[in-house]
PDB file of N, CA and C in Angstrom:
ATOM      1  N   MET A   1      88.650 104.166 104.653  1.00  0.00           N
ATOM      2  CA  MET A   1      88.595 103.582 103.046  1.00  0.00           C
ATOM      3  C   MET A   1      90.384 104.247 102.626  1.00  0.00           C
ATOM      4  N   PRO A   2      90.715 102.954 101.897  1.00  0.00           N
ATOM      5  CA  PRO A   2      92.025 103.403 101.613  1.00  0.00           C
ATOM      6  C   PRO A   2      92.246 104.593 100.636  1.00  0.00           C
ATOM      7  N   THR A   3      93.297 105.340 101.061  1.00  0.00           N
ATOM      8  CA  THR A   3      93.767 106.422 100.137  1.00  0.00           C
ATOM      9  C   THR A   3      94.989 105.917  99.410  1.00  0.00           C
ATOM     10  N   TYR A   4      94.812 106.677  98.063  1.00  0.00           N
ATOM     11  CA  TYR A   4      96.193 106.555  97.125  1.00  0.00           C
ATOM     12  C   TYR A   4      96.074 107.833  96.433  1.00  0.00           C
ATOM     13  N   VAL A   5      97.783 107.765  96.259  1.00  0.00           N
ATOM     14  CA  VAL A   5      98.374 109.136  95.676  1.00  0.00           C
ATOM     15  C   VAL A   5      98.377 109.067  93.929  1.00  0.00           C
ATOM     16  N   ILE A   6      97.750 109.756  93.307  1.00  0.00           N
ATOM     17  CA  ILE A   6      98.433 109.497  91.825  1.00  0.00           C
ATOM     18  C   ILE A   6      98.725 110.480  91.055  1.00  0.00           C
ATOM     19  N   LEU A   7      99.720 110.165  90.642  1.00  0.00           N
ATOM     20  CA  LEU A   7     101.334 110.837  90.096  1.00  0.00           C
ATOM     21  C   LEU A   7     100.867 111.082  88.377  1.00  0.00           C
ATOM     22  N   GLY A   8     100.799 112.174  87.794  1.00  0.00           N
ATOM     23  CA  GLY A   8     100.049 112.315  86.899  1.00  0.00           C
ATOM     24  C   GLY A   8     100.899 113.018  85.550  1.00  0.00           C
ATOM     25  N   ASN A   9     101.064 112.553  84.194  1.00  0.00           N
ATOM     26  CA  ASN A   9     101.862 113.328  83.334  1.00  0.00           C
ATOM     27  C   ASN A   9     100.972 113.623  82.063  1.00  0.00           C
ATOM     28  N   TYR A  10     100.859 114.886  81.669  1.00  0.00           N
ATOM     29  CA  TYR A  10      99.986 114.938  80.351  1.00  0.00           C
ATOM     30  C   TYR A  10     100.579 114.243  79.171  1.00  0.00           C
ATOM     31  N   SER A  11      99.084 113.808  78.619  1.00  0.00           N
ATOM     32  CA  SER A  11     100.064 113.104  77.058  1.00  0.00           C
ATOM     33  C   SER A  11      99.682 114.272  75.797  1.00  0.00           C
ATOM     34  N   ASP A  12     100.147 113.869  74.706  1.00  0.00           N
ATOM     35  CA  ASP A  12     100.375 115.210  74.227  1.00  0.00           C
ATOM     36  C   ASP A  12      98.992 115.584  74.044  1.00  0.00           C
ATOM     37  N   GLN A  13      98.074 114.558  73.877  1.00  0.00           N
ATOM     38  CA  GLN A  13      96.598 115.357  73.351  1.00  0.00           C
ATOM     39  C   GLN A  13      96.197 116.082  75.034  1.00  0.00           C
ATOM     40  N   GLY A  14      96.959 115.887  76.260  1.00  0.00           N
ATOM     41  CA  GLY A  14      96.213 116.701  77.384  1.00  0.00           C
ATOM     42  C   GLY A  14      97.298 118.155  77.278  1.00  0.00           C
ATOM     43  N   ILE A  15      98.110 118.160  76.621  1.00  0.00           N
ATOM     44  CA  ILE A  15      98.662 119.264  77.121  1.00  0.00           C
ATOM     45  C   ILE A  15      98.265 120.588  75.703  1.00  0.00           C
ATOM     46  N   ARG A  16      98.201 119.743  74.728  1.00  0.00           N
ATOM     47  CA  ARG A  16      97.487 120.233  73.678  1.00  0.00           C
ATOM     48  C   ARG A  16      96.024 121.199  73.978  1.00  0.00           C
ATOM     49  N   ASN A  17      95.460 120.644  74.735  1.00  0.00           N
ATOM     50  CA  ASN A  17      93.816 120.865  75.351  1.00  0.00           C
ATOM     51  C   ASN A  17      94.159 121.346  76.926  1.00  0.00           C
ATOM     52  N   ILE A  18      95.397 122.122  77.257  1.00  0.00           N
ATOM     53  CA  ILE A  18      95.783 122.403  79.042  1.00  0.00           C
ATOM     54  C   ILE A  18      94.845 123.553  79.213  1.00  0.00           C
ATOM     55  N   LYS A  19      94.088 124.365  78.567  1.00  0.00           N
ATOM     56  CA  LYS A  19      93.101 125.194  78.944  1.00  0.00           C
ATOM     57  C   LYS A  19      91.719 124.735  79.695  1.00  0.00           C
ATOM     58  N   ASP A  20      91.856 123.761  79.437  1.00  0.00           N
ATOM     59  CA  ASP A  20      90.449 122.675  79.706  1.00  0.00           C
ATOM     60  C   ASP A  20      91.004 121.718  81.075  1.00  0.00           C
ATOM     61  N   THR A  21      92.284 121.750  81.383  1.00  0.00           N
ATOM     62  CA  THR A  21      92.547 121.056  82.875  1.00  0.00           C
ATOM     63  C   THR A  21      91.527 121.123  84.234  1.00  0.00           C
ATOM     64  N   THR A  22      91.334 122.336  84.347  1.00  0.00           N
ATOM     65  CA  THR A  22      90.525 122.523  85.331  1.00  0.00           C
ATOM     66  C   THR A  22      89.013 122.024  85.105  1.00  0.00           C
ATOM     67  N   LYS A  23      88.635 121.930  84.050  1.00  0.00           N
ATOM     68  CA  LYS A  23      87.518 121.525  83.711  1.00  0.00           C
ATOM     69  C   LYS A  23      87.442 119.780  83.844  1.00  0.00           C
ATOM     70  N   ARG A  24      88.153 119.575  83.009  1.00  0.00           N
ATOM     71  CA  ARG A  24      88.669 118.251  83.148  1.00  0.00           C
ATOM     72  C   ARG A  24      89.045 117.344  84.751  1.00  0.00           C
ATOM     73  N   ALA A  25      89.450 118.443  85.553  1.00  0.00           N
ATOM     74  CA  ALA A  25      89.377 118.036  86.726  1.00  0.00           C
ATOM     75  C   ALA A  25      87.958 117.833  87.162  1.00  0.00           C
ATOM     76  N   GLU A  26      87.201 118.746  87.125  1.00  0.00           N
ATOM     77  CA  GLU A  26      85.944 119.049  88.257  1.00  0.00           C
ATOM     78  C   GLU A  26      84.901 117.317  87.375  1.00  0.00           C
ATOM     79  N   ALA A  27      85.252 117.419  86.088  1.00  0.00           N
ATOM     80  CA  ALA A  27      84.508 116.067  85.424  1.00  0.00           C
ATOM     81  C   ALA A  27      85.222 115.077  85.898  1.00  0.00           C
ATOM     82  N   PHE A  28      86.233 114.629  86.356  1.00  0.00           N
ATOM     83  CA  PHE A  28      86.990 113.601  87.256  1.00  0.00           C
ATOM     84  C   PHE A  28      86.425 113.621  88.554  1.00  0.00           C
ATOM     85  N   ARG A  29      86.124 114.746  89.413  1.00  0.00           N
ATOM     86  CA  ARG A  29      85.612 114.633  90.811  1.00  0.00           C
ATOM     87  C   ARG A  29      84.037 114.060  90.358  1.00  0.00           C
ATOM     88  N   ASN A  30      83.442 114.477  89.397  1.00  0.00           N
ATOM     89  CA  ASN A  30      81.857 114.051  89.309  1.00  0.00           C
ATOM     90  C   ASN A  30      81.795 112.542  88.826  1.00  0.00           C
ATOM     91  N   PHE A  31      82.754 112.420  88.133  1.00  0.00           N
ATOM     92  CA  PHE A  31      82.548 110.891  87.894  1.00  0.00           C
ATOM     93  C   PHE A  31      83.043 109.607  88.775  1.00  0.00           C
ATOM     94  N   ALA A  32      83.987 110.100  89.813  1.00  0.00           N
ATOM     95  CA  ALA A  32      84.510 109.532  90.634  1.00  0.00           C
ATOM     96  C   ALA A  32      83.672 109.399  92.139  1.00  0.00           C
ATOM     97  N   LYS A  33      83.044 110.483  92.514  1.00  0.00           N
ATOM     98  CA  LYS A  33      82.027 110.886  92.950  1.00  0.00           C
ATOM     99  C   LYS A  33      80.591 109.378  92.757  1.00  0.00           C
ATOM    100  N   GLY A  34      80.662 109.287  91.757  1.00  0.00           N
ATOM    101  CA  GLY A  34      79.187 108.402  91.250  1.00  0.00           C
ATOM    102  C   GLY A  34      79.834 106.843  91.132  1.00  0.00           C
ATOM    103  N   MET A  35      81.175 106.777  91.525  1.00  0.00           N
ATOM    104  CA  MET A  35      81.802 105.367  91.858  1.00  0.00           C
ATOM    105  C   MET A  35      82.198 105.520  93.339  1.00  0.00           C
ATOM    106  N   GLY A  36      81.849 106.550  94.196  1.00  0.00           N
ATOM    107  CA  GLY A  36      81.869 105.752  95.381  1.00  0.00           C
ATOM    108  C   GLY A  36      83.237 106.316  95.684  1.00  0.00           C
ATOM    109  N   VAL A  37      84.248 107.055  95.059  1.00  0.00           N
ATOM    110  CA  VAL A  37      85.567 107.729  95.221  1.00  0.00           C
ATOM    111  C   VAL A  37      85.607 109.061  95.717  1.00  0.00           C
ATOM    112  N   ALA A  38      86.157 109.415  96.710  1.00  0.00           N
ATOM    113  CA  ALA A  38      86.608 110.948  97.356  1.00  0.00           C
ATOM    114  C   ALA A  38      87.407 111.277  96.570  1.00  0.00           C
ATOM    115  N   VAL A  39      87.593 112.745  95.890  1.00  0.00           N
ATOM    116  CA  VAL A  39      88.777 113.315  95.634  1.00  0.00           C
ATOM    117  C   VAL A  39      88.936 114.252  96.290  1.00  0.00           C
ATOM    118  N   LYS A  40      90.176 113.721  97.406  1.00  0.00           N
ATOM    119  CA  LYS A  40      90.370 114.856  98.525  1.00  0.00           C
ATOM    120  C   LYS A  40      91.217 115.951  97.960  1.00  0.00           C
ATOM    121  N   GLU A  41      92.373 116.007  97.076  1.00  0.00           N
ATOM    122  CA  GLU A  41      93.067 116.863  96.564  1.00  0.00           C
ATOM    123  C   GLU A  41      93.478 116.462  95.071  1.00  0.00           C
ATOM    124  N   ILE A  42      93.547 118.090  94.161  1.00  0.00           N
ATOM    125  CA  ILE A  42      94.308 117.766  93.195  1.00  0.00           C
ATOM    126  C   ILE A  42      94.744 118.968  93.015  1.00  0.00           C
ATOM    127  N   TYR A  43      95.955 118.803  92.916  1.00  0.00           N
ATOM    128  CA  TYR A  43      97.375 119.641  92.785  1.00  0.00           C
ATOM    129  C   TYR A  43      98.228 119.830  91.552  1.00  0.00           C
ATOM    130  N   TRP A  44      98.462 120.998  90.683  1.00  0.00           N
ATOM    131  CA  TRP A  44      98.719 121.027  89.310  1.00  0.00           C
ATOM    132  C   TRP A  44     100.561 121.375  90.157  1.00  0.00           C
ATOM    133  N   THR A  45     101.344 120.383  89.491  1.00  0.00           N
ATOM    134  CA  THR A  45     102.622 120.914  90.250  1.00  0.00           C
ATOM    135  C   THR A  45     103.741 121.045  88.806  1.00  0.00           C
ATOM    136  N   MET A  46     105.040 121.134  89.213  1.00  0.00           N
ATOM    137  CA  MET A  46     106.090 121.507  88.622  1.00  0.00           C
ATOM    138  C   MET A  46     107.387 120.507  88.964  1.00  0.00           C
ATOM    139  N   GLY A  47     107.856 119.941  87.734  1.00  0.00           N
ATOM    140  CA  GLY A  47     108.648 119.061  88.160  1.00  0.00           C
ATOM    141  C   GLY A  47     108.456 117.851  87.428  1.00  0.00           C
ATOM    142  N   ARG A  48     108.703 116.768  87.930  1.00  0.00           N
ATOM    143  CA  ARG A  48     108.902 115.694  87.082  1.00  0.00           C
ATOM    144  C   ARG A  48     107.222 115.397  86.998  1.00  0.00           C
ATOM    145  N   TYR A  49     106.290 115.481  87.746  1.00  0.00           N
ATOM    146  CA  TYR A  49     104.844 115.328  87.405  1.00  0.00           C
ATOM    147  C   TYR A  49     104.096 116.347  87.268  1.00  0.00           C
ATOM    148  N   ASP A  50     102.859 116.473  86.538  1.00  0.00           N
ATOM    149  CA  ASP A  50     102.024 117.607  85.922  1.00  0.00           C
ATOM    150  C   ASP A  50     101.062 117.959  87.292  1.00  0.00           C
ATOM    151  N   VAL A  51     100.437 116.460  87.636  1.00  0.00           N
ATOM    152  CA  VAL A  51      99.155 116.214  88.360  1.00  0.00           C
ATOM    153  C   VAL A  51      99.455 115.556  89.796  1.00  0.00           C
ATOM    154  N   VAL A  52      99.263 116.006  90.373  1.00  0.00           N
ATOM    155  CA  VAL A  52      99.065 114.905  92.114  1.00  0.00           C
ATOM    156  C   VAL A  52      97.819 114.985  92.183  1.00  0.00           C
ATOM    157  N   THR A  53      97.095 113.733  92.186  1.00  0.00           N
ATOM    158  CA  THR A  53      95.691 113.683  92.787  1.00  0.00           C
ATOM    159  C   THR A  53      95.665 112.937  94.302  1.00  0.00           C
ATOM    160  N   ILE A  54      94.829 113.295  95.269  1.00  0.00           N
ATOM    161  CA  ILE A  54      95.075 112.363  96.063  1.00  0.00           C
ATOM    162  C   ILE A  54      93.162 112.172  96.130  1.00  0.00           C
ATOM    163  N   ILE A  55      93.126 110.674  96.360  1.00  0.00           N
ATOM    164  CA  ILE A  55      91.627 109.893  96.550  1.00  0.00           C
ATOM    165  C   ILE A  55      91.294 109.320  97.645  1.00  0.00           C
ATOM    166  N   ASP A  56      90.350 108.867  97.849  1.00  0.00           N
ATOM    167  CA  ASP A  56      89.855 107.684  98.724  1.00  0.00           C
ATOM    168  C   ASP A  56      88.601 107.033  98.645  1.00  0.00           C
ATOM    169  N   ALA A  57      89.103 105.639  98.146  1.00  0.00           N
ATOM    170  CA  ALA A  57      88.389 104.805  97.221  1.00  0.00           C
ATOM    171  C   ALA A  57      88.219 103.348  98.089  1.00  0.00           C
ATOM    172  N   PRO A  58      86.861 102.695  97.801  1.00  0.00           N
ATOM    173  CA  PRO A  58      86.224 101.931  98.861  1.00  0.00           C
ATOM    174  C   PRO A  58      87.507 100.570  98.668  1.00  0.00           C
ATOM    175  N   ASP A  59      88.220 100.501  97.727  1.00  0.00           N
ATOM    176  CA  ASP A  59      89.177  99.493  97.355  1.00  0.00           C
ATOM    177  C   ASP A  59      89.942  99.060  96.357  1.00  0.00           C
ATOM    178  N   ASP A  60      91.009  98.891  96.188  1.00  0.00           N
ATOM    179  CA  ASP A  60      91.750  98.442  94.565  1.00  0.00           C
ATOM    180  C   ASP A  60      91.214  98.506  93.348  1.00  0.00           C
ATOM    181  N   PRO A  61      89.959  97.754  93.491  1.00  0.00           N
ATOM    182  CA  PRO A  61      89.402  97.719  92.150  1.00  0.00           C
ATOM    183  C   PRO A  61      88.646  98.701  91.682  1.00  0.00           C
ATOM    184  N   THR A  62      88.287  99.343  92.727  1.00  0.00           N
ATOM    185  CA  THR A  62      87.564 100.691  92.377  1.00  0.00           C
ATOM    186  C   THR A  62      88.138 101.728  92.111  1.00  0.00           C
ATOM    187  N   ALA A  63      89.475 102.060  92.693  1.00  0.00           N
ATOM    188  CA  ALA A  63      90.231 102.533  92.269  1.00  0.00           C
ATOM    189  C   ALA A  63      90.910 102.577  91.055  1.00  0.00           C
ATOM    190  N   THR A  64      91.410 101.061  90.880  1.00  0.00           N
ATOM    191  CA  THR A  64      92.068 101.016  89.486  1.00  0.00           C
ATOM    192  C   THR A  64      91.160 101.314  88.105  1.00  0.00           C
ATOM    193  N   ARG A  65      89.598 100.739  88.427  1.00  0.00           N
ATOM    194  CA  ARG A  65      88.393 100.959  87.157  1.00  0.00           C
ATOM    195  C   ARG A  65      88.614 102.700  87.166  1.00  0.00           C
ATOM    196  N   LEU A  66      88.476 103.741  88.299  1.00  0.00           N
ATOM    197  CA  LEU A  66      87.979 104.574  87.954  1.00  0.00           C
ATOM    198  C   LEU A  66      89.520 105.303  87.353  1.00  0.00           C
ATOM    199  N   LEU A  67      90.462 105.166  87.560  1.00  0.00           N
ATOM    200  CA  LEU A  67      92.122 105.286  86.717  1.00  0.00           C
ATOM    201  C   LEU A  67      92.014 104.988  85.307  1.00  0.00           C
ATOM    202  N   LEU A  68      91.444 103.863  84.792  1.00  0.00           N
ATOM    203  CA  LEU A  68      91.511 103.131  83.597  1.00  0.00           C
ATOM    204  C   LEU A  68      90.736 104.173  82.705  1.00  0.00           C
ATOM    205  N   ALA A  69      89.115 104.108  83.362  1.00  0.00           N
ATOM    206  CA  ALA A  69      88.221 105.119  82.708  1.00  0.00           C
ATOM    207  C   ALA A  69      88.905 106.177  82.388  1.00  0.00           C
ATOM    208  N   ALA A  70      89.757 107.344  83.734  1.00  0.00           N
ATOM    209  CA  ALA A  70      90.158 108.303  83.425  1.00  0.00           C
ATOM    210  C   ALA A  70      91.293 108.389  82.158  1.00  0.00           C
ATOM    211  N   GLY A  71      92.235 107.163  82.103  1.00  0.00           N
ATOM    212  CA  GLY A  71      93.256 107.049  81.178  1.00  0.00           C
ATOM    213  C   GLY A  71      92.832 106.911  79.841  1.00  0.00           C
ATOM    214  N   ALA A  72      91.541 106.245  79.858  1.00  0.00           N
ATOM    215  CA  ALA A  72      91.235 105.800  78.468  1.00  0.00           C
ATOM    216  C   ALA A  72      90.543 107.477  77.521  1.00  0.00           C
ATOM    217  N   LEU A  73      90.361 108.014  78.642  1.00  0.00           N
ATOM    218  CA  LEU A  73      90.329 109.560  77.663  1.00  0.00           C
ATOM    219  C   LEU A  73      91.176 109.918  76.787  1.00  0.00           C
ATOM    220  N   GLY A  74      92.535 109.724  77.485  1.00  0.00           N
ATOM    221  CA  GLY A  74      93.680 110.101  76.429  1.00  0.00           C
ATOM    222  C   GLY A  74      94.700 111.363  77.065  1.00  0.00           C
ATOM    223  N   ASN A  75      93.971 112.045  77.909  1.00  0.00           N
ATOM    224  CA  ASN A  75      94.620 113.411  78.739  1.00  0.00           C
ATOM    225  C   ASN A  75      95.970 112.990  79.734  1.00  0.00           C
ATOM    226  N   VAL A  76      95.874 112.274  79.932  1.00  0.00           N
ATOM    227  CA  VAL A  76      96.941 112.056  81.277  1.00  0.00           C
ATOM    228  C   VAL A  76      97.178 110.509  81.368  1.00  0.00           C
ATOM    229  N   ARG A  77      98.646 110.340  81.617  1.00  0.00           N
ATOM    230  CA  ARG A  77      99.504 108.983  82.194  1.00  0.00           C
ATOM    231  C   ARG A  77      99.270 108.906  83.837  1.00  0.00           C
ATOM    232  N   THR A  78      99.115 108.019  83.875  1.00  0.00           N
ATOM    233  CA  THR A  78      99.346 107.856  85.788  1.00  0.00           C
ATOM    234  C   THR A  78     100.150 106.928  86.346  1.00  0.00           C
ATOM    235  N   GLU A  79     100.440 107.246  87.303  1.00  0.00           N
ATOM    236  CA  GLU A  79     101.343 105.940  88.010  1.00  0.00           C
ATOM    237  C   GLU A  79     100.310 106.139  89.639  1.00  0.00           C
ATOM    238  N   THR A  80     100.089 104.641  90.134  1.00  0.00           N
ATOM    239  CA  THR A  80      99.038 105.143  91.537  1.00  0.00           C
ATOM    240  C   THR A  80      99.906 104.699  92.422  1.00  0.00           C
ATOM    241  N   LEU A  81      99.820 105.475  93.782  1.00  0.00           N
ATOM    242  CA  LEU A  81     100.617 104.851  94.935  1.00  0.00           C
ATOM    243  C   LEU A  81      99.552 104.441  95.831  1.00  0.00           C
ATOM    244  N   ARG A  82      99.599 103.441  96.544  1.00  0.00           N
ATOM    245  CA  ARG A  82      98.499 102.793  97.668  1.00  0.00           C
ATOM    246  C   ARG A  82      99.235 103.664  98.463  1.00  0.00           C
ATOM    247  N   ALA A  83      98.408 104.621  99.605  1.00  0.00           N
ATOM    248  CA  ALA A  83      98.999 104.768 100.852  1.00  0.00           C
ATOM    249  C   ALA A  83      98.405 104.505 101.958  1.00  0.00           C
ATOM    250  N   PHE A  84      99.654 104.565 102.805  1.00  0.00           N
ATOM    251  CA  PHE A  84      99.166 103.913 104.525  1.00  0.00           C
ATOM    252  C   PHE A  84      99.205 105.227 105.546  1.00  0.00           C
ATOM    253  N   THR A  85      98.385 105.243 106.251  1.00  0.00           N
ATOM    254  CA  THR A  85      98.533 106.455 107.326  1.00  0.00           C
ATOM    255  C   THR A  85      99.358 105.671 108.709  1.00  0.00           C
ATOM    256  N   GLU A  86      99.881 106.420 109.439  1.00  0.00           N
ATOM    257  CA  GLU A  86     100.585 105.871 110.893  1.00  0.00           C
ATOM    258  C   GLU A  86      99.952 104.620 111.634  1.00  0.00           C
ATOM    259  N   ARG A  87      99.086 104.752 111.507  1.00  0.00           N
ATOM    260  CA  ARG A  87      97.515 103.970 112.325  1.00  0.00           C
ATOM    261  C   ARG A  87      97.933 102.341 111.065  1.00  0.00           C
ATOM    262  N   ASP A  88      98.024 102.651 109.976  1.00  0.00           N
ATOM    263  CA  ASP A  88      97.487 101.658 109.329  1.00  0.00           C
ATOM    264  C   ASP A  88      99.188 100.721 109.324  1.00  0.00           C
ATOM    265  N   MET A  89     100.238 101.324 109.137  1.00  0.00           N
ATOM    266  CA  MET A  89     101.477 101.191 109.417  1.00  0.00           C
ATOM    267  C   MET A  89     101.714  99.974 110.861  1.00  0.00           C
ATOM    268  N   GLY A  90     101.273 100.654 111.783  1.00  0.00           N
ATOM    269  CA  GLY A  90     101.331  99.900 113.055  1.00  0.00           C
ATOM    270  C   GLY A  90     100.468  98.733 112.711  1.00  0.00           C
ATOM    271  N   GLN A  91      99.452  98.485 112.197  1.00  0.00           N
ATOM    272  CA  GLN A  91      98.598  97.398 112.067  1.00  0.00           C
ATOM    273  C   GLN A  91      99.301  96.270 111.202  1.00  0.00           C
ATOM    274  N   ILE A  92      99.837  96.881 110.477  1.00  0.00           N
ATOM    275  CA  ILE A  92     100.767  96.368 109.164  1.00  0.00           C
ATOM    276  C   ILE A  92     102.156  95.663 109.872  1.00  0.00           C
ATOM    277  N   LEU A  93     102.758  96.172 110.797  1.00  0.00           N
ATOM    278  CA  LEU A  93     104.204  95.849 111.589  1.00  0.00           C
ATOM    279  C   LEU A  93     103.745  94.828 112.823  1.00  0.00           C
ATOM    280  N   LYS A  94     102.565  94.831 113.479  1.00  0.00           N
ATOM    281  CA  LYS A  94     101.964  93.791 114.122  1.00  0.00           C
ATOM    282  C   LYS A  94     102.564  92.070 113.743  1.00  0.00           C
ATOM    283  N   GLY A  95     102.348  92.184 112.325  1.00  0.00           N
ATOM    284  CA  GLY A  95     102.445  90.981 112.151  1.00  0.00           C
ATOM    285  C   GLY A  95     103.923  90.543 111.495  1.00  0.00           C
ATOM    286  N   ILE A  96     104.910  91.752 112.008  1.00  0.00           N
ATOM    287  CA  ILE A  96     106.330  91.041 111.538  1.00  0.00           C
ATOM    288  C   ILE A  96     106.971  90.145 112.937  1.00  0.00           C
TER     289      ILE A  96
END
């Protein structure tokens, strides 16, 4: 299953309701599970991004659907990176 690294920043609404961030994370995990997505880790971070989330999703459309639904709630803005393992890169590089 493809892995995705999601970098998130709180919106104005999200930071106003910061006390609910762990509750929102749990709701995100449950929603993702219903879509067949495994939330591997959620990290609250210092620096440029407020949250880093690692997920495994069946495919790009499913990951996109999940993140669009989460973004529509208005608490966080995300940037998503498709991650490749060393094995994945080995297969990709065979074609060069």
